[in-house]
PDB file of all heavy atoms in Angstrom:
ATOM      1  N   PHE A   1       0.918  -1.176   0.015  1.00  0.00           N
ATOM      2  CA  PHE A   1      -0.076  -0.047   0.006  1.00  0.00           C
ATOM      3  C   PHE A   1       0.813   1.261   0.003  1.00  0.00           C
ATOM      4  O   PHE A   1       0.583   2.243  -0.705  1.00  0.00           O
ATOM      5  CB  PHE A   1      -0.797   0.053   1.134  1.00  0.00           C
ATOM      6  CG  PHE A   1      -1.783   1.091   1.230  1.00  0.00           C
ATOM      7  CD1 PHE A   1      -3.021   1.256   0.555  1.00  0.00           C
ATOM      8  CD2 PHE A   1      -1.490   2.373   2.080  1.00  0.00           C
ATOM      9  CE1 PHE A   1      -3.878   2.327   0.628  1.00  0.00           C
ATOM     10  CE2 PHE A   1      -2.283   3.391   2.110  1.00  0.00           C
ATOM     11  CZ  PHE A   1      -3.602   3.398   1.339  1.00  0.00           C
ATOM     12  N   ARG A   2       1.942   1.229   0.835  1.00  0.00           N
ATOM     13  CA  ARG A   2       2.757   2.363   0.934  1.00  0.00           C
ATOM     14  C   ARG A   2       3.436   2.715  -0.436  1.00  0.00           C
ATOM     15  O   ARG A   2       3.553   3.722  -0.942  1.00  0.00           O
ATOM     16  CB  ARG A   2       3.907   2.107   1.972  1.00  0.00           C
ATOM     17  CG  ARG A   2       4.972   3.239   2.088  1.00  0.00           C
ATOM     18  CD  ARG A   2       5.804   3.103   3.362  1.00  0.00           C
ATOM     19  NE  ARG A   2       6.205   1.767   3.477  1.00  0.00           N
ATOM     20  CZ  ARG A   2       7.327   1.235   2.867  1.00  0.00           C
ATOM     21  NH1 ARG A   2       8.061   2.018   2.229  1.00  0.00           N
ATOM     22  NH2 ARG A   2       7.739   0.098   3.061  1.00  0.00           N
ATOM     23  N   PHE A   3       3.916   1.643  -1.124  1.00  0.00           N
ATOM     24  CA  PHE A   3       4.572   1.831  -2.470  1.00  0.00           C
ATOM     25  C   PHE A   3       3.599   2.347  -3.475  1.00  0.00           C
ATOM     26  O   PHE A   3       3.931   3.160  -4.299  1.00  0.00           O
ATOM     27  CB  PHE A   3       5.300   0.528  -2.857  1.00  0.00           C
ATOM     28  CG  PHE A   3       6.573   0.401  -2.447  1.00  0.00           C
ATOM     29  CD1 PHE A   3       6.924  -0.550  -1.628  1.00  0.00           C
ATOM     30  CD2 PHE A   3       7.574   1.205  -2.827  1.00  0.00           C
ATOM     31  CE1 PHE A   3       8.164  -0.862  -1.083  1.00  0.00           C
ATOM     32  CE2 PHE A   3       8.962   1.030  -2.391  1.00  0.00           C
ATOM     33  CZ  PHE A   3       9.261   0.064  -1.457  1.00  0.00           C
ATOM     34  N   LEU A   4       2.295   1.808  -3.328  1.00  0.00           N
ATOM     35  CA  LEU A   4       1.261   2.393  -4.289  1.00  0.00           C
ATOM     36  C   LEU A   4       1.116   3.788  -4.184  1.00  0.00           C
ATOM     37  O   LEU A   4       0.908   4.655  -5.036  1.00  0.00           O
ATOM     38  CB  LEU A   4      -0.026   1.581  -4.054  1.00  0.00           C
ATOM     39  CG  LEU A   4      -1.204   1.924  -4.887  1.00  0.00           C
ATOM     40  CD1 LEU A   4      -0.909   1.778  -6.366  1.00  0.00           C
ATOM     41  CD2 LEU A   4      -2.441   1.113  -4.527  1.00  0.00           C
ATOM     42  N   ALA A   5       1.019   4.259  -2.863  1.00  0.00           N
ATOM     43  CA  ALA A   5       0.756   5.583  -2.482  1.00  0.00           C
ATOM     44  C   ALA A   5       1.791   6.491  -2.936  1.00  0.00           C
ATOM     45  O   ALA A   5       1.679   7.576  -3.438  1.00  0.00           O
ATOM     46  CB  ALA A   5       0.724   5.714  -0.933  1.00  0.00           C
ATOM     47  N   ILE A   6       3.192   5.961  -2.880  1.00  0.00           N
ATOM     48  CA  ILE A   6       4.305   6.676  -3.314  1.00  0.00           C
ATOM     49  C   ILE A   6       4.231   6.852  -4.860  1.00  0.00           C
ATOM     50  O   ILE A   6       4.342   7.954  -5.320  1.00  0.00           O
ATOM     51  CB  ILE A   6       5.619   5.963  -2.921  1.00  0.00           C
ATOM     52  CG1 ILE A   6       5.836   6.105  -1.450  1.00  0.00           C
ATOM     53  CG2 ILE A   6       6.842   6.605  -3.711  1.00  0.00           C
ATOM     54  CD1 ILE A   6       6.922   5.260  -0.980  1.00  0.00           C
ATOM     55  N   CYS A   7       4.024   5.841  -5.535  1.00  0.00           N
ATOM     56  CA  CYS A   7       3.820   5.938  -7.000  1.00  0.00           C
ATOM     57  C   CYS A   7       2.741   6.888  -7.467  1.00  0.00           C
ATOM     58  O   CYS A   7       2.887   7.603  -8.451  1.00  0.00           O
ATOM     59  CB  CYS A   7       3.705   4.578  -7.651  1.00  0.00           C
ATOM     60  SG  CYS A   7       5.089   3.558  -7.495  1.00  0.00           S
ATOM     61  N   LEU A   8       1.609   6.879  -6.814  1.00  0.00           N
ATOM     62  CA  LEU A   8       0.450   7.682  -7.156  1.00  0.00           C
ATOM     63  C   LEU A   8       0.642   9.142  -6.856  1.00  0.00           C
ATOM     64  O   LEU A   8      -0.027  10.053  -7.325  1.00  0.00           O
ATOM     65  CB  LEU A   8      -0.833   7.135  -6.423  1.00  0.00           C
ATOM     66  CG  LEU A   8      -1.427   5.927  -6.888  1.00  0.00           C
ATOM     67  CD1 LEU A   8      -2.593   5.471  -6.046  1.00  0.00           C
ATOM     68  CD2 LEU A   8      -1.760   5.875  -8.385  1.00  0.00           C
ATOM     69  N   SER A   9       1.675   9.435  -6.031  1.00  0.00           N
ATOM     70  CA  SER A   9       1.959  10.782  -5.697  1.00  0.00           C
ATOM     71  C   SER A   9       2.651  11.523  -6.823  1.00  0.00           C
ATOM     72  O   SER A   9       2.837  12.789  -6.800  1.00  0.00           O
ATOM     73  CB  SER A   9       2.858  10.949  -4.424  1.00  0.00           C
ATOM     74  OG  SER A   9       4.101  10.464  -4.638  1.00  0.00           O
ATOM     75  N   ALA A  10       3.109  10.794  -7.803  1.00  0.00           N
ATOM     76  CA  ALA A  10       3.748  11.457  -8.966  1.00  0.00           C
ATOM     77  C   ALA A  10       3.056  11.009 -10.239  1.00  0.00           C
ATOM     78  O   ALA A  10       2.180  10.171 -10.182  1.00  0.00           O
ATOM     79  CB  ALA A  10       5.287  10.967  -9.093  1.00  0.00           C
ATOM     80  N   PHE A  11       3.402  11.732 -11.268  1.00  0.00           N
ATOM     81  CA  PHE A  11       2.804  11.350 -12.581  1.00  0.00           C
ATOM     82  C   PHE A  11       3.226   9.902 -13.059  1.00  0.00           C
ATOM     83  O   PHE A  11       4.474   9.681 -13.065  1.00  0.00           O
ATOM     84  CB  PHE A  11       3.269  12.381 -13.624  1.00  0.00           C
ATOM     85  CG  PHE A  11       2.925  12.006 -15.018  1.00  0.00           C
ATOM     86  CD1 PHE A  11       1.518  12.174 -15.401  1.00  0.00           C
ATOM     87  CD2 PHE A  11       3.784  11.465 -15.929  1.00  0.00           C
ATOM     88  CE1 PHE A  11       1.218  11.803 -16.677  1.00  0.00           C
ATOM     89  CE2 PHE A  11       3.372  11.215 -17.152  1.00  0.00           C
ATOM     90  CZ  PHE A  11       2.141  11.346 -17.595  1.00  0.00           C
ATOM     91  N   VAL A  12       2.295   9.158 -13.383  1.00  0.00           N
ATOM     92  CA  VAL A  12       2.676   7.766 -13.672  1.00  0.00           C
ATOM     93  C   VAL A  12       2.453   7.520 -15.208  1.00  0.00           C
ATOM     94  O   VAL A  12       1.446   7.892 -15.794  1.00  0.00           O
ATOM     95  CB  VAL A  12       1.648   6.786 -12.962  1.00  0.00           C
ATOM     96  CG1 VAL A  12       2.063   5.237 -13.500  1.00  0.00           C
ATOM     97  CG2 VAL A  12       1.792   6.892 -11.601  1.00  0.00           C
ATOM     98  N   CYS A  13       3.610   7.167 -15.825  1.00  0.00           N
ATOM     99  CA  CYS A  13       3.582   6.902 -17.254  1.00  0.00           C
ATOM    100  C   CYS A  13       2.752   5.637 -17.660  1.00  0.00           C
ATOM    101  O   CYS A  13       2.986   4.648 -17.016  1.00  0.00           O
ATOM    102  CB  CYS A  13       4.937   6.889 -17.838  1.00  0.00           C
ATOM    103  SG  CYS A  13       6.002   8.253 -17.501  1.00  0.00           S
ATOM    104  N   SER A  14       1.983   5.720 -18.629  1.00  0.00           N
ATOM    105  CA  SER A  14       1.409   4.502 -19.174  1.00  0.00           C
ATOM    106  C   SER A  14       2.371   3.799 -20.165  1.00  0.00           C
ATOM    107  O   SER A  14       3.163   4.424 -20.703  1.00  0.00           O
ATOM    108  CB  SER A  14       0.015   4.701 -19.833  1.00  0.00           C
ATOM    109  OG  SER A  14       0.276   5.480 -21.081  1.00  0.00           O
ATOM    110  N   ALA A  15       2.160   2.469 -20.229  1.00  0.00           N
ATOM    111  CA  ALA A  15       3.045   1.743 -21.216  1.00  0.00           C
ATOM    112  C   ALA A  15       2.878   2.229 -22.733  1.00  0.00           C
ATOM    113  O   ALA A  15       3.916   2.289 -23.346  1.00  0.00           O
ATOM    114  CB  ALA A  15       2.692   0.198 -21.091  1.00  0.00           C
ATOM    115  N   ALA A  16       1.698   2.619 -23.060  1.00  0.00           N
ATOM    116  CA  ALA A  16       1.534   3.146 -24.364  1.00  0.00           C
ATOM    117  C   ALA A  16       2.301   4.492 -24.699  1.00  0.00           C
ATOM    118  O   ALA A  16       2.708   4.680 -25.777  1.00  0.00           O
ATOM    119  CB  ALA A  16       0.166   3.382 -24.621  1.00  0.00           C
ATOM    120  N   ALA A  17       2.377   5.198 -23.531  1.00  0.00           N
ATOM    121  CA  ALA A  17       2.907   6.558 -23.764  1.00  0.00           C
ATOM    122  C   ALA A  17       4.451   6.544 -23.566  1.00  0.00           C
ATOM    123  O   ALA A  17       5.150   7.481 -23.904  1.00  0.00           O
ATOM    124  CB  ALA A  17       2.327   7.496 -22.806  1.00  0.00           C
ATOM    125  N   LEU A  18       4.948   5.392 -22.994  1.00  0.00           N
ATOM    126  CA  LEU A  18       6.345   5.330 -22.742  1.00  0.00           C
ATOM    127  C   LEU A  18       7.327   5.441 -23.916  1.00  0.00           C
ATOM    128  O   LEU A  18       7.055   4.602 -24.870  1.00  0.00           O
ATOM    129  CB  LEU A  18       6.614   4.099 -21.884  1.00  0.00           C
ATOM    130  CG  LEU A  18       8.096   3.968 -21.279  1.00  0.00           C
ATOM    131  CD1 LEU A  18       8.405   5.055 -20.328  1.00  0.00           C
ATOM    132  CD2 LEU A  18       8.177   2.611 -20.679  1.00  0.00           C
ATOM    133  N   ASN A  19       8.183   6.320 -23.986  1.00  0.00           N
ATOM    134  CA  ASN A  19       9.145   6.224 -25.014  1.00  0.00           C
ATOM    135  C   ASN A  19      10.556   6.875 -24.562  1.00  0.00           C
ATOM    136  O   ASN A  19      10.554   7.039 -23.275  1.00  0.00           O
ATOM    137  CB  ASN A  19       8.668   7.079 -26.273  1.00  0.00           C
ATOM    138  CG  ASN A  19       8.399   8.519 -26.007  1.00  0.00           C
ATOM    139  OD1 ASN A  19       9.102   9.166 -25.270  1.00  0.00           O
ATOM    140  ND2 ASN A  19       7.213   8.998 -26.271  1.00  0.00           N
ATOM    141  N   ALA A  20      11.425   7.062 -25.327  1.00  0.00           N
ATOM    142  CA  ALA A  20      12.702   7.516 -24.910  1.00  0.00           C
ATOM    143  C   ALA A  20      12.751   8.842 -24.212  1.00  0.00           C
ATOM    144  O   ALA A  20      13.795   9.141 -23.454  1.00  0.00           O
ATOM    145  CB  ALA A  20      13.736   7.525 -26.115  1.00  0.00           C
ATOM    146  N   GLN A  21      11.635   9.616 -24.430  1.00  0.00           N
ATOM    147  CA  GLN A  21      11.647  11.009 -23.776  1.00  0.00           C
ATOM    148  C   GLN A  21      10.934  10.931 -22.403  1.00  0.00           C
ATOM    149  O   GLN A  21      10.846  12.003 -21.743  1.00  0.00           O
ATOM    150  CB  GLN A  21      10.945  11.845 -24.743  1.00  0.00           C
ATOM    151  CG  GLN A  21      11.783  11.992 -26.065  1.00  0.00           C
ATOM    152  CD  GLN A  21      13.085  12.442 -25.921  1.00  0.00           C
ATOM    153  OE1 GLN A  21      13.372  13.518 -25.166  1.00  0.00           O
ATOM    154  NE2 GLN A  21      14.027  11.848 -26.633  1.00  0.00           N
ATOM    155  N   ASP A  22      10.316   9.910 -22.059  1.00  0.00           N
ATOM    156  CA  ASP A  22       9.501   9.794 -20.843  1.00  0.00           C
ATOM    157  C   ASP A  22      10.306   9.328 -19.672  1.00  0.00           C
ATOM    158  O   ASP A  22      11.173   8.519 -19.809  1.00  0.00           O
ATOM    159  CB  ASP A  22       8.287   8.905 -21.064  1.00  0.00           C
ATOM    160  CG  ASP A  22       7.354   9.464 -22.086  1.00  0.00           C
ATOM    161  OD1 ASP A  22       7.106  10.739 -22.073  1.00  0.00           O
ATOM    162  OD2 ASP A  22       6.740   8.681 -22.815  1.00  0.00           O
ATOM    163  N   ALA A  23       9.912   9.914 -18.432  1.00  0.00           N
ATOM    164  CA  ALA A  23      10.461   9.364 -17.329  1.00  0.00           C
ATOM    165  C   ALA A  23       9.619   8.231 -16.724  1.00  0.00           C
ATOM    166  O   ALA A  23       8.355   8.299 -16.870  1.00  0.00           O
ATOM    167  CB  ALA A  23      10.647  10.530 -16.186  1.00  0.00           C
ATOM    168  N   ILE A  24      10.281   7.193 -16.096  1.00  0.00           N
ATOM    169  CA  ILE A  24       9.464   6.102 -15.509  1.00  0.00           C
ATOM    170  C   ILE A  24       9.069   6.477 -14.086  1.00  0.00           C
ATOM    171  O   ILE A  24       9.999   6.718 -13.254  1.00  0.00           O
ATOM    172  CB  ILE A  24      10.338   4.867 -15.586  1.00  0.00           C
ATOM    173  CG1 ILE A  24      10.631   4.453 -17.110  1.00  0.00           C
ATOM    174  CG2 ILE A  24       9.588   3.652 -14.879  1.00  0.00           C
ATOM    175  CD1 ILE A  24      11.534   3.203 -17.251  1.00  0.00           C
ATOM    176  N   TYR A  25       7.919   6.320 -13.774  1.00  0.00           N
ATOM    177  CA  TYR A  25       7.485   6.458 -12.326  1.00  0.00           C
ATOM    178  C   TYR A  25       6.654   5.240 -11.890  1.00  0.00           C
ATOM    179  O   TYR A  25       6.064   5.334 -10.887  1.00  0.00           O
ATOM    180  CB  TYR A  25       6.598   7.720 -12.230  1.00  0.00           C
ATOM    181  CG  TYR A  25       7.356   9.040 -12.268  1.00  0.00           C
ATOM    182  CD1 TYR A  25       7.213   9.884 -13.356  1.00  0.00           C
ATOM    183  CD2 TYR A  25       8.292   9.302 -11.321  1.00  0.00           C
ATOM    184  CE1 TYR A  25       7.906  11.096 -13.496  1.00  0.00           C
ATOM    185  CE2 TYR A  25       9.050  10.549 -11.512  1.00  0.00           C
ATOM    186  CZ  TYR A  25       8.814  11.434 -12.470  1.00  0.00           C
ATOM    187  OH  TYR A  25       9.515  12.563 -12.630  1.00  0.00           O
ATOM    188  N   ASP A  26       6.766   4.271 -12.678  1.00  0.00           N
ATOM    189  CA  ASP A  26       5.830   3.039 -12.359  1.00  0.00           C
ATOM    190  C   ASP A  26       6.843   1.879 -12.241  1.00  0.00           C
ATOM    191  O   ASP A  26       7.592   1.495 -13.176  1.00  0.00           O
ATOM    192  CB  ASP A  26       4.889   2.749 -13.481  1.00  0.00           C
ATOM    193  CG  ASP A  26       3.889   1.659 -13.230  1.00  0.00           C
ATOM    194  OD1 ASP A  26       4.201   0.747 -12.433  1.00  0.00           O
ATOM    195  OD2 ASP A  26       2.899   1.611 -13.910  1.00  0.00           O
ATOM    196  N   GLU A  27       6.877   1.228 -11.064  1.00  0.00           N
ATOM    197  CA  GLU A  27       7.847   0.058 -10.792  1.00  0.00           C
ATOM    198  C   GLU A  27       7.622  -1.015 -11.838  1.00  0.00           C
ATOM    199  O   GLU A  27       8.632  -1.675 -12.237  1.00  0.00           O
ATOM    200  CB  GLU A  27       7.600  -0.402  -9.404  1.00  0.00           C
ATOM    201  CG  GLU A  27       8.021   0.505  -8.289  1.00  0.00           C
ATOM    202  CD  GLU A  27       9.581   0.486  -8.082  1.00  0.00           C
ATOM    203  OE1 GLU A  27      10.209  -0.492  -8.410  1.00  0.00           O
ATOM    204  OE2 GLU A  27      10.104   1.473  -7.493  1.00  0.00           O
ATOM    205  N   SER A  28       6.433  -1.187 -12.315  1.00  0.00           N
ATOM    206  CA  SER A  28       6.285  -2.227 -13.337  1.00  0.00           C
ATOM    207  C   SER A  28       6.893  -2.040 -14.714  1.00  0.00           C
ATOM    208  O   SER A  28       7.091  -2.946 -15.449  1.00  0.00           O
ATOM    209  CB  SER A  28       4.753  -2.574 -13.591  1.00  0.00           C
ATOM    210  OG  SER A  28       4.196  -1.465 -14.102  1.00  0.00           O
ATOM    211  N   LEU A  29       7.317  -0.720 -14.934  1.00  0.00           N
ATOM    212  CA  LEU A  29       7.900  -0.415 -16.251  1.00  0.00           C
ATOM    213  C   LEU A  29       9.385  -0.515 -16.147  1.00  0.00           C
ATOM    214  O   LEU A  29      10.112  -0.123 -17.240  1.00  0.00           O
ATOM    215  CB  LEU A  29       7.380   1.006 -16.612  1.00  0.00           C
ATOM    216  CG  LEU A  29       5.838   1.062 -16.908  1.00  0.00           C
ATOM    217  CD1 LEU A  29       5.583   2.484 -17.385  1.00  0.00           C
ATOM    218  CD2 LEU A  29       5.395   0.121 -17.944  1.00  0.00           C
ATOM    219  N   ILE A  30      10.005  -0.746 -14.986  1.00  0.00           N
ATOM    220  CA  ILE A  30      11.439  -0.719 -14.889  1.00  0.00           C
ATOM    221  C   ILE A  30      11.995  -1.946 -15.625  1.00  0.00           C
ATOM    222  O   ILE A  30      11.453  -3.034 -15.420  1.00  0.00           O
ATOM    223  CB  ILE A  30      11.862  -0.773 -13.393  1.00  0.00           C
ATOM    224  CG1 ILE A  30      11.437   0.494 -12.766  1.00  0.00           C
ATOM    225  CG2 ILE A  30      13.327  -0.958 -13.346  1.00  0.00           C
ATOM    226  CD1 ILE A  30      11.714   0.529 -11.205  1.00  0.00           C
ATOM    227  N   PRO A  31      12.925  -1.829 -16.522  1.00  0.00           N
ATOM    228  CA  PRO A  31      13.423  -2.914 -17.273  1.00  0.00           C
ATOM    229  C   PRO A  31      14.294  -3.950 -16.376  1.00  0.00           C
ATOM    230  O   PRO A  31      14.673  -3.455 -15.316  1.00  0.00           O
ATOM    231  CB  PRO A  31      14.297  -2.272 -18.325  1.00  0.00           C
ATOM    232  CG  PRO A  31      14.721  -1.014 -17.764  1.00  0.00           C
ATOM    233  CD  PRO A  31      13.570  -0.467 -16.943  1.00  0.00           C
ATOM    234  N   GLU A  32      14.268  -5.156 -16.848  1.00  0.00           N
ATOM    235  CA  GLU A  32      15.152  -5.964 -16.087  1.00  0.00           C
ATOM    236  C   GLU A  32      16.597  -5.656 -16.290  1.00  0.00           C
ATOM    237  O   GLU A  32      17.009  -5.255 -17.324  1.00  0.00           O
ATOM    238  CB  GLU A  32      14.992  -7.496 -16.626  1.00  0.00           C
ATOM    239  CG  GLU A  32      13.627  -8.092 -16.432  1.00  0.00           C
ATOM    240  CD  GLU A  32      13.439  -9.575 -16.886  1.00  0.00           C
ATOM    241  OE1 GLU A  32      14.535 -10.068 -17.250  1.00  0.00           O
ATOM    242  OE2 GLU A  32      12.373 -10.030 -16.746  1.00  0.00           O
ATOM    243  N   PHE A  33      17.328  -5.891 -15.122  1.00  0.00           N
ATOM    244  CA  PHE A  33      18.814  -5.501 -15.192  1.00  0.00           C
ATOM    245  C   PHE A  33      19.483  -6.406 -14.209  1.00  0.00           C
ATOM    246  O   PHE A  33      19.003  -7.009 -13.309  1.00  0.00           O
ATOM    247  CB  PHE A  33      18.892  -4.047 -14.865  1.00  0.00           C
ATOM    248  CG  PHE A  33      18.534  -3.662 -13.558  1.00  0.00           C
ATOM    249  CD1 PHE A  33      19.249  -3.747 -12.281  1.00  0.00           C
ATOM    250  CD2 PHE A  33      17.226  -3.043 -13.318  1.00  0.00           C
ATOM    251  CE1 PHE A  33      18.843  -3.254 -11.095  1.00  0.00           C
ATOM    252  CE2 PHE A  33      16.689  -2.698 -12.101  1.00  0.00           C
ATOM    253  CZ  PHE A  33      17.549  -2.813 -10.951  1.00  0.00           C
ATOM    254  N   THR A  34      20.805  -6.502 -14.457  1.00  0.00           N
ATOM    255  CA  THR A  34      21.755  -7.162 -13.479  1.00  0.00           C
ATOM    256  C   THR A  34      22.750  -6.118 -13.020  1.00  0.00           C
ATOM    257  O   THR A  34      23.461  -5.486 -13.791  1.00  0.00           O
ATOM    258  CB  THR A  34      22.416  -8.343 -14.239  1.00  0.00           C
ATOM    259  OG1 THR A  34      21.395  -9.311 -14.675  1.00  0.00           O
ATOM    260  CG2 THR A  34      23.423  -9.057 -13.261  1.00  0.00           C
ATOM    261  N   LEU A  35      22.939  -6.022 -11.772  1.00  0.00           N
ATOM    262  CA  LEU A  35      23.879  -5.078 -11.195  1.00  0.00           C
ATOM    263  C   LEU A  35      25.349  -5.744 -11.200  1.00  0.00           C
ATOM    264  O   LEU A  35      25.527  -6.968 -11.077  1.00  0.00           O
ATOM    265  CB  LEU A  35      23.596  -4.830  -9.745  1.00  0.00           C
ATOM    266  CG  LEU A  35      22.277  -3.940  -9.506  1.00  0.00           C
ATOM    267  CD1 LEU A  35      22.089  -3.773  -7.954  1.00  0.00           C
ATOM    268  CD2 LEU A  35      22.499  -2.589 -10.081  1.00  0.00           C
ATOM    269  N   PRO A  36      26.334  -4.917 -11.379  1.00  0.00           N
ATOM    270  CA  PRO A  36      27.709  -5.333 -11.274  1.00  0.00           C
ATOM    271  C   PRO A  36      27.954  -6.001  -9.982  1.00  0.00           C
ATOM    272  O   PRO A  36      27.534  -5.416  -8.907  1.00  0.00           O
ATOM    273  CB  PRO A  36      28.551  -4.128 -11.582  1.00  0.00           C
ATOM    274  CG  PRO A  36      27.635  -3.212 -12.268  1.00  0.00           C
ATOM    275  CD  PRO A  36      26.247  -3.454 -11.764  1.00  0.00           C
ATOM    276  N   ASP A  37      28.646  -7.162  -9.882  1.00  0.00           N
ATOM    277  CA  ASP A  37      28.813  -7.845  -8.588  1.00  0.00           C
ATOM    278  C   ASP A  37      29.968  -7.113  -7.944  1.00  0.00           C
ATOM    279  O   ASP A  37      31.054  -7.008  -8.404  1.00  0.00           O
ATOM    280  CB  ASP A  37      29.243  -9.254  -8.954  1.00  0.00           C
ATOM    281  CG  ASP A  37      29.429 -10.121  -7.690  1.00  0.00           C
ATOM    282  OD1 ASP A  37      29.314  -9.592  -6.599  1.00  0.00           O
ATOM    283  OD2 ASP A  37      29.842 -11.338  -7.799  1.00  0.00           O
ATOM    284  N   PRO A  38      29.727  -6.609  -6.623  1.00  0.00           N
ATOM    285  CA  PRO A  38      30.816  -6.053  -5.849  1.00  0.00           C
ATOM    286  C   PRO A  38      32.016  -6.954  -5.710  1.00  0.00           C
ATOM    287  O   PRO A  38      33.139  -6.374  -5.542  1.00  0.00           O
ATOM    288  CB  PRO A  38      30.182  -5.832  -4.439  1.00  0.00           C
ATOM    289  CG  PRO A  38      28.664  -5.825  -4.760  1.00  0.00           C
ATOM    290  CD  PRO A  38      28.472  -6.829  -5.829  1.00  0.00           C
ATOM    291  N   PHE A  39      31.835  -8.287  -5.706  1.00  0.00           N
ATOM    292  CA  PHE A  39      32.917  -9.140  -5.419  1.00  0.00           C
ATOM    293  C   PHE A  39      33.580  -9.873  -6.673  1.00  0.00           C
ATOM    294  O   PHE A  39      34.320 -10.875  -6.501  1.00  0.00           O
ATOM    295  CB  PHE A  39      32.360 -10.288  -4.452  1.00  0.00           C
ATOM    296  CG  PHE A  39      31.810  -9.678  -3.171  1.00  0.00           C
ATOM    297  CD1 PHE A  39      30.478  -9.891  -2.804  1.00  0.00           C
ATOM    298  CD2 PHE A  39      32.642  -8.849  -2.316  1.00  0.00           C
ATOM    299  CE1 PHE A  39      29.958  -9.292  -1.579  1.00  0.00           C
ATOM    300  CE2 PHE A  39      32.133  -8.281  -1.168  1.00  0.00           C
ATOM    301  CZ  PHE A  39      30.793  -8.604  -0.840  1.00  0.00           C
TER     302      PHE A  39
END
């Protein structure tokens, strides 16, 4: 619920509107990624 409230407090991009010029404010739109291993 807290994360939903946080996301709703900002402008949320829809998937249809998302392009290279849009900022992501929706956790579901974050691309998959792998972080560099510290070790």
